[in-house]
Amino acid sequence: MIMNMARYEQETIISFNEEEKTAVIYTHNKVLRQKLEALARDRPEDCRLVKVSRSGRAVDYVIPKSWIRIVSPRIASEAQKEASRKACEKAVSAHRKTPRGDN
């Protein structure tokens, strides 16, 4: 019997110890599962699927521990934000001026 889990029960757990060079990722997260699947396909020597839950909604992958990163978001200055806004406005303006083919 497959039961629906509440979103707060759909965990992602990354576990590793100081001895081994690999980490295990257990996740229900669809986007992360897709990324791990692509990594396992492209880099099978580094990333491998270990287990799929009976429901098929959770997976366990083993990856190199060195791939685990915690990165804080970049904090842009007001000048950087303004430059980014202007660049976006310029790109939108250029896109609107581009002729479109009639199909």
C-alpha atoms as a PDB file:
ATOM      1  CA  MET A   1       0.000   0.000   0.000  1.00  0.00           C
ATOM      2  CA  ILE A   2       1.481   3.336  -1.091  1.00  0.00           C
ATOM      3  CA  MET A   3       0.647   6.201   1.201  1.00  0.00           C
ATOM      4  CA  ASN A   4       0.900   9.844   0.287  1.00  0.00           C
ATOM      5  CA  MET A   5       3.429  11.631   2.443  1.00  0.00           C
ATOM      6  CA  ALA A   6       2.997  15.204   3.598  1.00  0.00           C
ATOM      7  CA  ARG A   7       5.516  17.614   2.075  1.00  0.00           C
ATOM      8  CA  TYR A   8       7.212  18.109   5.441  1.00  0.00           C
ATOM      9  CA  GLU A   9       7.839  14.349   5.543  1.00  0.00           C
ATOM     10  CA  GLN A  10       9.539  14.354   2.139  1.00  0.00           C
ATOM     11  CA  GLU A  11      13.074  14.769   3.399  1.00  0.00           C
ATOM     12  CA  THR A  12      16.480  15.157   1.861  1.00  0.00           C
ATOM     13  CA  ILE A  13      19.233  13.761   4.040  1.00  0.00           C
ATOM     14  CA  ILE A  14      22.927  14.051   3.245  1.00  0.00           C
ATOM     15  CA  SER A  15      25.095  11.866   5.438  1.00  0.00           C
ATOM     16  CA  PHE A  16      28.802  11.229   5.586  1.00  0.00           C
ATOM     17  CA  ASN A  17      31.488  10.514   8.124  1.00  0.00           C
ATOM     18  CA  GLU A  18      35.036  11.748   8.543  1.00  0.00           C
ATOM     19  CA  GLU A  19      36.581   8.413   7.498  1.00  0.00           C
ATOM     20  CA  GLU A  20      35.063   7.724   4.094  1.00  0.00           C
ATOM     21  CA  LYS A  21      35.386   9.802   0.936  1.00  0.00           C
ATOM     22  CA  THR A  22      31.753   9.372  -0.102  1.00  0.00           C
ATOM     23  CA  ALA A  23      28.436  10.787   1.024  1.00  0.00           C
ATOM     24  CA  VAL A  24      24.951   9.297   0.766  1.00  0.00           C
ATOM     25  CA  ILE A  25      22.056  11.448  -0.375  1.00  0.00           C
ATOM     26  CA  TYR A  26      18.545  10.253   0.438  1.00  0.00           C
ATOM     27  CA  THR A  27      15.919  12.444  -1.175  1.00  0.00           C
ATOM     28  CA  HIS A  28      12.323  12.791  -2.279  1.00  0.00           C
ATOM     29  CA  ASN A  29      13.076  16.080  -4.071  1.00  0.00           C
ATOM     30  CA  LYS A  30      12.205  15.699  -7.756  1.00  0.00           C
ATOM     31  CA  VAL A  31      14.728  18.250  -9.053  1.00  0.00           C
ATOM     32  CA  LEU A  32      17.554  16.781  -6.981  1.00  0.00           C
ATOM     33  CA  ARG A  33      16.612  13.252  -8.085  1.00  0.00           C
ATOM     34  CA  GLN A  34      16.820  14.375 -11.718  1.00  0.00           C
ATOM     35  CA  LYS A  35      20.226  16.008 -11.162  1.00  0.00           C
ATOM     36  CA  LEU A  36      21.554  12.903  -9.439  1.00  0.00           C
ATOM     37  CA  GLU A  37      20.183  10.686 -12.215  1.00  0.00           C
ATOM     38  CA  ALA A  38      21.976  12.812 -14.829  1.00  0.00           C
ATOM     39  CA  LEU A  39      25.201  12.717 -12.816  1.00  0.00           C
ATOM     40  CA  ALA A  40      24.958   8.932 -12.475  1.00  0.00           C
ATOM     41  CA  ARG A  41      24.487   8.653 -16.231  1.00  0.00           C
ATOM     42  CA  ASP A  42      27.346  11.047 -17.066  1.00  0.00           C
ATOM     43  CA  ARG A  43      29.746  10.129 -14.256  1.00  0.00           C
ATOM     44  CA  PRO A  44      28.954   6.536 -13.201  1.00  0.00           C
ATOM     45  CA  GLU A  45      32.398   6.162 -11.621  1.00  0.00           C
ATOM     46  CA  ASP A  46      31.564   9.022  -9.211  1.00  0.00           C
ATOM     47  CA  CYS A  47      27.793   8.913  -8.702  1.00  0.00           C
ATOM     48  CA  ARG A  48      25.677   5.810  -8.393  1.00  0.00           C
ATOM     49  CA  LEU A  49      22.133   4.925  -7.487  1.00  0.00           C
ATOM     50  CA  VAL A  50      22.085   2.639  -4.447  1.00  0.00           C
ATOM     51  CA  LYS A  51      18.397   2.259  -3.678  1.00  0.00           C
ATOM     52  CA  VAL A  52      14.930   3.265  -4.845  1.00  0.00           C
ATOM     53  CA  SER A  53      12.122   3.251  -2.283  1.00  0.00           C
ATOM     54  CA  ARG A  54       9.198   0.891  -2.772  1.00  0.00           C
ATOM     55  CA  SER A  55       7.027   3.860  -3.708  1.00  0.00           C
ATOM     56  CA  GLY A  56       9.634   4.996  -6.245  1.00  0.00           C
ATOM     57  CA  ARG A  57       9.504   8.501  -4.797  1.00  0.00           C
ATOM     58  CA  ALA A  58      12.720   8.409  -2.777  1.00  0.00           C
ATOM     59  CA  VAL A  59      16.225   7.448  -3.810  1.00  0.00           C
ATOM     60  CA  ASP A  60      19.660   6.930  -2.269  1.00  0.00           C
ATOM     61  CA  TYR A  61      22.742   7.955  -4.236  1.00  0.00           C
ATOM     62  CA  VAL A  62      26.407   7.768  -3.313  1.00  0.00           C
ATOM     63  CA  ILE A  63      28.564  10.688  -4.427  1.00  0.00           C
ATOM     64  CA  PRO A  64      32.051  11.960  -3.572  1.00  0.00           C
ATOM     65  CA  LYS A  65      31.999  13.867  -0.303  1.00  0.00           C
ATOM     66  CA  SER A  66      34.050  16.603  -2.010  1.00  0.00           C
ATOM     67  CA  TRP A  67      30.947  17.475  -4.085  1.00  0.00           C
ATOM     68  CA  ILE A  68      29.073  18.651  -0.986  1.00  0.00           C
ATOM     69  CA  ARG A  69      29.146  22.456  -0.789  1.00  0.00           C
ATOM     70  CA  ILE A  70      27.410  25.086   1.286  1.00  0.00           C
ATOM     71  CA  VAL A  71      27.485  28.390  -0.545  1.00  0.00           C
ATOM     72  CA  SER A  72      25.922  31.565   0.765  1.00  0.00           C
ATOM     73  CA  PRO A  73      23.974  33.664  -1.726  1.00  0.00           C
ATOM     74  CA  ARG A  74      25.825  36.557  -3.310  1.00  0.00           C
ATOM     75  CA  ILE A  75      24.894  39.931  -1.869  1.00  0.00           C
ATOM     76  CA  ALA A  76      24.804  42.525  -4.627  1.00  0.00           C
ATOM     77  CA  SER A  77      25.497  46.192  -3.964  1.00  0.00           C
ATOM     78  CA  GLU A  78      22.935  48.784  -5.020  1.00  0.00           C
ATOM     79  CA  ALA A  79      25.200  49.686  -7.968  1.00  0.00           C
ATOM     80  CA  GLN A  80      25.324  46.027  -9.072  1.00  0.00           C
ATOM     81  CA  LYS A  81      21.541  45.715  -8.740  1.00  0.00           C
ATOM     82  CA  GLU A  82      21.032  48.864 -10.831  1.00  0.00           C
ATOM     83  CA  ALA A  83      23.465  47.620 -13.512  1.00  0.00           C
ATOM     84  CA  SER A  84      21.613  44.296 -13.601  1.00  0.00           C
ATOM     85  CA  ARG A  85      18.225  46.048 -13.952  1.00  0.00           C
ATOM     86  CA  LYS A  86      19.553  48.156 -16.834  1.00  0.00           C
ATOM     87  CA  ALA A  87      20.999  45.107 -18.572  1.00  0.00           C
ATOM     88  CA  CYS A  88      17.640  43.305 -18.253  1.00  0.00           C
ATOM     89  CA  GLU A  89      15.751  46.320 -19.594  1.00  0.00           C
ATOM     90  CA  LYS A  90      18.157  46.555 -22.530  1.00  0.00           C
ATOM     91  CA  ALA A  91      17.755  42.825 -23.289  1.00  0.00           C
ATOM     92  CA  VAL A  92      13.953  43.046 -23.122  1.00  0.00           C
ATOM     93  CA  SER A  93      13.976  46.116 -25.358  1.00  0.00           C
ATOM     94  CA  ALA A  94      16.232  44.400 -27.900  1.00  0.00           C
ATOM     95  CA  HIS A  95      14.024  41.293 -27.827  1.00  0.00           C
ATOM     96  CA  ARG A  96      10.895  43.363 -28.534  1.00  0.00           C
ATOM     97  CA  LYS A  97      12.583  45.004 -31.542  1.00  0.00           C
ATOM     98  CA  THR A  98      13.543  41.658 -33.072  1.00  0.00           C
ATOM     99  CA  PRO A  99      11.227  40.848 -36.013  1.00  0.00           C
ATOM    100  CA  ARG A 100       9.275  37.648 -35.633  1.00  0.00           C
ATOM    101  CA  GLY A 101       8.465  35.358 -38.519  1.00  0.00           C
ATOM    102  CA  ASP A 102       4.796  34.725 -39.215  1.00  0.00           C
ATOM    103  CA  ASN A 103       3.910  31.054 -39.161  1.00  0.00           C
END
